[in-house]
């Protein structure tokens, strides 16, 4: 994660001199946004940030304002630069040492304390804030958020230089029989460092954790048509699954204008379909919108797999 304290000049109020009249006057108005009781940022800078960066900034602000508490779970993942799916409901903290946490009445707004045992050996400092190590962060994600969400972060961790499943498994085994370790090991089994985006990881995670008896195989980053194109996922050999972000059509990211990129994608899809694949497309909304107890995306995958079986019958 970027060091937002330096990038935005986050202000830790207890460190501001009482003689700084300009600051205290501005604090009374709308010049600053209060990120937590002790940290503020200029409103004009805050409002320019996309939501996901605002969440990162708030996490770092809370980390700056606590004395002993440690950022954990989703919050720790953000500090390490590891993706987490969806939006943050709160900033997550844990006190070091034995299983204790402050009374709820002492929790600042937008903050949640966990009470897991947290030894000093599993704590490090990143961008000036105390945060759990990456292996402990992954364990906490699997324990508190579940296997589906954890896979997204595990994928990204495996793409880091030097990271392997064997190395992470050794770190997990060193934790001993702690709560959540089975979920962490299962998430590691299902993780794949070849994923090229958090959206791809989340889509695959939803597939592999859903009850899909029709699913026989799932391949990741599959080259087709002699390597001319690469497909995010191929299901049962001939269902091509692609997950898309809006950034693809922002006229900047791909180096191609939106209209030209759409035409390029249409021609690509036609060639892939002509090669015998059924195309399945999804975006962020399909993954977060739930219907009949599952995401719209999983429901679409289920119907596509069933259609494939009916066609083969």
Protein backbone atom coordinates (compact mmCIF):
# COMPACT_ATOMS: atom_id res chain seq x y z
CA UNK A 1 0.00 0.00 0.00
CA UNK A 2 1.13 3.52 -0.70
CA UNK A 3 2.28 5.54 2.30
CA UNK A 4 -0.76 7.80 2.47
CA UNK A 5 0.54 9.68 5.48
CA UNK A 6 3.32 11.10 3.33
CA UNK A 7 1.33 11.33 0.11
CA UNK A 8 -1.60 13.25 1.58
CA UNK A 9 0.01 14.83 4.61
CA UNK A 10 -2.28 13.14 7.13
CA UNK A 11 -2.40 15.20 10.32
CA UNK A 12 -2.26 13.53 13.73
CA UNK A 13 -4.15 16.03 15.85
CA UNK A 14 -2.40 15.36 19.20
CA UNK A 15 0.87 16.45 17.58
CA UNK A 16 -0.45 19.83 16.40
CA UNK A 17 0.70 22.79 18.46
CA UNK A 18 -2.02 24.64 20.37
CA UNK A 19 -0.57 27.85 18.91
CA UNK A 20 -1.32 26.77 15.33
CA UNK A 21 -4.39 28.99 15.03
CA UNK A 22 -4.93 28.37 11.32
CA UNK A 23 -5.23 24.61 11.86
CA UNK A 24 -7.66 24.86 14.76
CA UNK A 25 -9.84 27.33 12.88
CA UNK A 26 -9.90 25.14 9.78
CA UNK A 27 -10.73 22.11 11.93
CA UNK A 28 -13.99 23.77 12.95
CA UNK A 29 -15.18 24.07 9.36
CA UNK A 30 -15.15 21.79 6.32
CA UNK A 31 -11.50 22.20 5.37
CA UNK A 32 -10.60 18.78 6.80
CA UNK A 33 -12.19 15.32 6.80
CA UNK A 34 -11.83 13.48 10.10
CA UNK A 35 -10.69 9.94 9.30
CA UNK A 36 -10.79 8.85 12.92
CA UNK A 37 -10.92 10.79 16.21
CA UNK A 38 -7.22 11.77 16.04
CA UNK A 39 -6.37 12.03 12.31
CA UNK A 40 -7.62 14.40 9.59
CA UNK A 41 -6.89 15.02 5.91
CA UNK A 42 -7.61 17.95 3.63
CA UNK A 43 -11.08 17.57 2.14
CA UNK A 44 -10.04 18.58 -1.39
CA UNK A 45 -7.42 15.81 -1.48
CA UNK A 46 -9.76 13.24 0.07
CA UNK A 47 -12.58 13.81 -2.40
CA UNK A 48 -10.30 13.18 -5.39
CA UNK A 49 -9.60 9.61 -4.29
CA UNK A 50 -11.58 6.58 -5.50
CA UNK A 51 -13.40 4.65 -2.79
CA UNK A 52 -10.83 1.86 -2.54
CA UNK A 53 -8.04 4.36 -1.91
CA UNK A 54 -10.15 6.17 0.69
CA UNK A 55 -10.44 2.84 2.50
CA UNK A 56 -6.64 2.48 2.45
CA UNK A 57 -6.22 6.01 3.81
CA UNK A 58 -8.67 5.38 6.65
CA UNK A 59 -6.86 2.18 7.58
CA UNK A 60 -3.53 3.98 7.83
CA UNK A 61 -5.10 6.83 9.80
CA UNK A 62 -6.44 4.43 12.42
CA UNK A 63 -3.06 2.68 12.54
CA UNK A 64 -1.38 6.04 13.18
CA UNK A 65 -3.73 6.87 16.04
CA UNK A 66 -3.39 3.73 18.19
CA UNK A 67 -0.60 3.08 20.68
CA UNK A 68 -0.60 -0.71 21.17
CA UNK A 69 -3.26 -2.08 18.84
CA UNK A 70 -2.26 -3.81 15.60
CA UNK A 71 -4.00 -3.69 12.23
CA UNK A 72 -5.24 -7.17 11.31
CA UNK A 73 -7.37 -9.02 8.75
CA UNK A 74 -8.61 -6.98 5.79
CA UNK A 75 -6.98 -3.84 7.17
CA UNK A 76 -3.59 -5.54 7.43
CA UNK A 77 -3.95 -6.91 3.90
CA UNK A 78 -4.50 -3.39 2.57
CA UNK A 79 -1.35 -2.14 4.29
CA UNK A 80 0.64 -4.99 2.73
CA UNK A 81 -0.72 -4.05 -0.68
CA UNK A 82 -2.76 -7.26 -0.93
CA UNK A 83 -6.28 -7.05 -2.41
CA UNK A 84 -9.45 -7.92 -0.55
CA UNK A 85 -12.85 -8.25 -2.25
CA UNK A 86 -15.74 -5.90 -1.58
CA UNK A 87 -15.92 -2.92 0.77
CA UNK A 88 -14.59 -2.57 4.31
CA UNK A 89 -17.27 -2.40 6.99
CA UNK A 90 -14.73 -1.26 9.59
CA UNK A 91 -11.01 -1.02 10.34
CA UNK A 92 -9.85 -4.18 12.13
CA UNK A 93 -7.57 -4.14 15.17
CA UNK A 94 -6.21 -6.67 17.66
CA UNK A 95 -4.27 -6.03 20.84
CA UNK A 96 -0.92 -7.85 21.10
CA UNK A 97 -0.58 -10.69 23.56
CA UNK A 98 -3.33 -12.81 25.05
CA UNK A 99 -6.96 -12.96 23.92
CA UNK A 100 -8.17 -9.58 25.14
CA UNK A 101 -9.88 -6.55 23.64
CA UNK A 102 -11.26 -3.27 24.97
CA UNK A 103 -14.93 -3.01 25.96
CA UNK A 104 -17.13 -2.15 22.96
CA UNK A 105 -18.01 1.23 24.44
CA UNK A 106 -14.34 2.20 23.99
CA UNK A 107 -14.19 1.32 20.29
CA UNK A 108 -14.03 4.39 18.02
CA UNK A 109 -16.67 4.63 15.32
CA UNK A 110 -15.81 2.46 12.31
CA UNK A 111 -13.39 0.25 14.26
CA UNK A 112 -13.70 -3.41 15.31
CA UNK A 113 -11.41 -5.23 17.72
CA UNK A 114 -10.72 -8.95 17.43
CA UNK A 115 -9.43 -10.89 20.42
CA UNK A 116 -7.13 -13.54 18.95
CA UNK A 117 -3.81 -14.34 20.58
CA UNK A 118 -1.20 -12.19 18.84
CA UNK A 119 2.49 -12.67 19.76
CA UNK A 120 5.03 -9.95 18.97
CA UNK A 121 6.76 -12.28 16.51
CA UNK A 122 3.75 -12.01 14.20
CA UNK A 123 3.78 -8.19 14.17
CA UNK A 124 5.78 -5.85 11.96
CA UNK A 125 5.83 -2.15 11.07
CA UNK A 126 4.84 -1.01 7.56
CA UNK A 127 4.55 2.67 6.62
CA UNK A 128 4.84 3.57 10.29
CA UNK A 129 1.91 1.45 11.50
CA UNK A 130 1.85 -1.85 13.37
CA UNK A 131 0.42 -4.66 11.29
CA UNK A 132 0.32 -8.45 11.34
CA UNK A 133 2.83 -10.35 9.19
CA UNK A 134 1.59 -11.59 5.83
CA UNK A 135 1.19 -15.25 6.97
CA UNK A 136 -0.75 -14.16 10.07
CA UNK A 137 -2.85 -11.78 7.93
CA UNK A 138 -3.76 -14.63 5.59
CA UNK A 139 -4.70 -16.84 8.54
CA UNK A 140 -6.94 -14.13 10.00
CA UNK A 141 -8.64 -13.54 6.64
CA UNK A 142 -9.51 -17.22 6.27
CA UNK A 143 -10.66 -17.41 9.88
CA UNK A 144 -12.87 -14.30 9.92
CA UNK A 145 -13.87 -13.73 6.27
CA UNK A 146 -14.12 -17.28 4.99
CA UNK A 147 -12.38 -19.28 2.29
CA UNK A 148 -13.99 -17.51 -0.68
CA UNK A 149 -12.73 -14.05 0.25
CA UNK A 150 -9.40 -15.37 1.50
CA UNK A 151 -8.57 -16.98 -1.86
CA UNK A 152 -8.44 -13.52 -3.47
CA UNK A 153 -5.70 -12.39 -1.07
CA UNK A 154 -3.92 -15.76 -1.11
CA UNK A 155 -3.67 -15.54 -4.93
CA UNK A 156 -1.97 -12.15 -4.66
CA UNK A 157 0.37 -13.36 -1.91
CA UNK A 158 1.48 -16.27 -4.11
CA UNK A 159 2.34 -13.84 -6.92
CA UNK A 160 4.88 -12.05 -4.67
CA UNK A 161 8.54 -12.68 -5.37
CA UNK A 162 9.77 -15.81 -3.61
CA UNK A 163 6.34 -16.89 -2.38
CA UNK A 164 5.30 -20.52 -2.82
CA UNK A 165 2.55 -22.72 -1.43
CA UNK A 166 5.15 -24.79 0.34
CA UNK A 167 6.62 -21.74 2.09
CA UNK A 168 3.23 -20.46 3.22
CA UNK A 169 2.21 -23.92 4.40
CA UNK A 170 5.36 -24.09 6.54
CA UNK A 171 4.44 -20.73 8.09
CA UNK A 172 0.91 -21.95 8.80
CA UNK A 173 2.18 -25.17 10.38
CA UNK A 174 4.42 -23.08 12.65
CA UNK A 175 1.28 -21.45 14.12
CA UNK A 176 0.22 -24.79 15.60
CA UNK A 177 -3.41 -25.89 16.10
CA UNK A 178 -4.86 -22.37 16.21
CA UNK A 179 -8.47 -21.48 15.31
CA UNK A 180 -8.96 -21.09 11.57
CA UNK A 181 -5.89 -23.03 10.48
CA UNK A 182 -7.94 -25.59 8.53
CA UNK A 183 -9.66 -22.82 6.58
CA UNK A 184 -6.30 -21.21 5.85
CA UNK A 185 -4.86 -24.48 4.57
CA UNK A 186 -7.92 -25.05 2.38
CA UNK A 187 -7.72 -21.53 0.95
CA UNK A 188 -4.04 -22.15 0.19
CA UNK A 189 -4.90 -25.38 -1.64
CA UNK A 190 -7.39 -23.52 -3.83
CA UNK A 191 -5.19 -20.45 -4.43
CA UNK A 192 -3.41 -19.82 -7.73
CA UNK A 193 -0.73 -17.18 -8.17
CA UNK A 194 -1.30 -17.02 -11.94
CA UNK A 195 -4.44 -14.92 -11.55
CA UNK A 196 -3.97 -11.52 -13.19
CA UNK A 197 -6.46 -9.47 -11.18
CA UNK A 198 -8.43 -9.55 -7.91
CA UNK A 199 -11.63 -9.77 -9.96
CA UNK A 200 -10.42 -12.93 -11.68
CA UNK A 201 -9.44 -14.39 -8.31
CA UNK A 202 -12.80 -13.58 -6.78
CA UNK A 203 -14.70 -15.08 -9.69
CA UNK A 204 -12.69 -18.30 -9.48
CA UNK A 205 -13.06 -18.35 -5.69
CA UNK A 206 -16.83 -18.14 -6.02
CA UNK A 207 -16.82 -21.02 -8.48
CA UNK A 208 -14.62 -23.39 -6.48
CA UNK A 209 -16.45 -22.74 -3.19
CA UNK A 210 -19.95 -23.11 -4.68
CA UNK A 211 -21.93 -26.34 -4.97
CA UNK A 212 -21.60 -26.96 -8.70
CA UNK A 213 -21.89 -30.70 -9.33
CA UNK A 214 -21.81 -30.10 -13.10
CA UNK A 215 -18.29 -28.61 -12.88
CA UNK A 216 -15.70 -31.17 -13.95
CA UNK A 217 -12.66 -28.97 -14.55
CA UNK A 218 -11.46 -25.38 -14.19
CA UNK A 219 -8.33 -24.14 -15.95
CA UNK A 220 -6.67 -20.78 -15.24
CA UNK A 221 -5.12 -18.39 -17.80
CA UNK A 222 -5.61 -20.64 -20.80
CA UNK A 223 -3.93 -19.85 -24.12
CA UNK A 224 -6.16 -20.52 -27.14
CA UNK A 225 -5.92 -20.21 -30.92
CA UNK A 226 -2.22 -20.90 -30.96
CA UNK A 227 -1.52 -18.51 -28.10
CA UNK A 228 -3.11 -15.50 -29.79
CA UNK A 229 -5.55 -15.05 -26.93
CA UNK A 230 -5.62 -15.92 -23.26
CA UNK A 231 -8.84 -16.70 -21.39
CA UNK A 232 -9.24 -16.06 -17.66
CA UNK A 233 -10.88 -19.44 -16.92
CA UNK A 234 -12.02 -22.39 -18.98
CA UNK A 235 -14.74 -24.57 -17.43
CA UNK A 236 -15.25 -28.17 -18.52
CA UNK A 237 -13.00 -27.68 -21.50
CA UNK A 238 -15.15 -25.37 -23.63
CA UNK A 239 -16.77 -22.64 -21.49
CA UNK A 240 -14.63 -19.52 -21.64
CA UNK A 241 -15.16 -17.33 -18.57
CA UNK A 242 -13.99 -13.70 -18.69
CA UNK A 243 -14.21 -11.15 -15.87
CA UNK A 244 -14.04 -7.48 -16.79
CA UNK A 245 -13.39 -4.23 -14.97
CA UNK A 246 -14.64 -0.86 -16.22
CA UNK A 247 -11.05 0.41 -16.31
CA UNK A 248 -10.58 -1.42 -19.60
CA UNK A 249 -12.69 1.22 -21.33
CA UNK A 250 -11.27 4.35 -19.70
CA UNK A 251 -9.38 5.39 -22.90
CA UNK A 252 -6.08 5.15 -20.98
CA UNK A 253 -5.30 1.76 -19.43
CA UNK A 254 -5.13 -0.32 -22.62
CA UNK A 255 -3.70 2.46 -24.76
CA UNK A 256 -6.76 2.16 -27.00
CA UNK A 257 -9.88 4.31 -27.17
CA UNK A 258 -13.07 2.87 -25.68
CA UNK A 259 -14.84 2.37 -29.02
CA UNK A 260 -11.80 0.81 -30.67
CA UNK A 261 -11.30 -1.46 -27.63
CA UNK A 262 -14.93 -2.63 -27.82
CA UNK A 263 -14.50 -3.51 -31.49
CA UNK A 264 -11.27 -5.32 -30.73
CA UNK A 265 -12.98 -7.33 -27.96
CA UNK A 266 -15.93 -8.15 -30.25
CA UNK A 267 -13.59 -9.51 -32.94
CA UNK A 268 -11.68 -11.50 -30.32
CA UNK A 269 -14.89 -13.00 -28.94
CA UNK A 270 -16.11 -13.98 -32.40
CA UNK A 271 -12.89 -15.88 -33.09
CA UNK A 272 -13.01 -17.68 -29.75
CA UNK A 273 -16.65 -18.66 -30.30
CA UNK A 274 -15.85 -19.90 -33.79
CA UNK A 275 -13.22 -22.12 -32.18
CA UNK A 276 -16.01 -23.90 -30.27
CA UNK A 277 -16.10 -22.06 -26.95
CA UNK A 278 -19.18 -20.79 -25.15
CA UNK A 279 -18.41 -17.29 -23.86
CA UNK A 280 -19.39 -16.27 -20.34
CA UNK A 281 -18.85 -12.65 -19.23
CA UNK A 282 -19.12 -11.11 -15.77
CA UNK A 283 -18.12 -7.94 -13.93
CA UNK A 284 -17.90 -6.68 -10.36
CA UNK A 285 -21.66 -6.18 -10.07
CA UNK A 286 -22.29 -9.82 -10.95
CA UNK A 287 -19.99 -10.94 -8.14
CA UNK A 288 -21.44 -8.69 -5.42
CA UNK A 289 -25.14 -8.90 -6.32
CA UNK A 290 -26.84 -11.82 -4.61
CA UNK A 291 -29.94 -13.65 -5.74
CA UNK A 292 -31.46 -16.84 -4.29
CA UNK A 293 -28.63 -17.19 -1.79
CA UNK A 294 -25.74 -16.92 -4.27
CA UNK A 295 -24.09 -14.32 -6.47
CA UNK A 296 -25.55 -13.53 -9.88
CA UNK A 297 -22.24 -14.74 -11.30
CA UNK A 298 -22.46 -18.19 -9.69
CA UNK A 299 -26.08 -18.50 -10.83
CA UNK A 300 -25.02 -17.73 -14.40
CA UNK A 301 -22.18 -20.25 -14.22
CA UNK A 302 -24.60 -22.89 -12.90
CA UNK A 303 -27.08 -22.33 -15.74
CA UNK A 304 -24.31 -22.35 -18.35
CA UNK A 305 -22.95 -25.67 -17.03
CA UNK A 306 -26.44 -27.18 -17.04
CA UNK A 307 -27.04 -25.95 -20.57
CA UNK A 308 -23.78 -27.62 -21.59
CA UNK A 309 -24.95 -30.92 -20.10
CA UNK A 310 -28.35 -30.72 -21.82
CA UNK A 311 -26.65 -30.04 -25.13
CA UNK A 312 -24.40 -33.07 -24.71
CA UNK A 313 -27.25 -35.39 -23.71
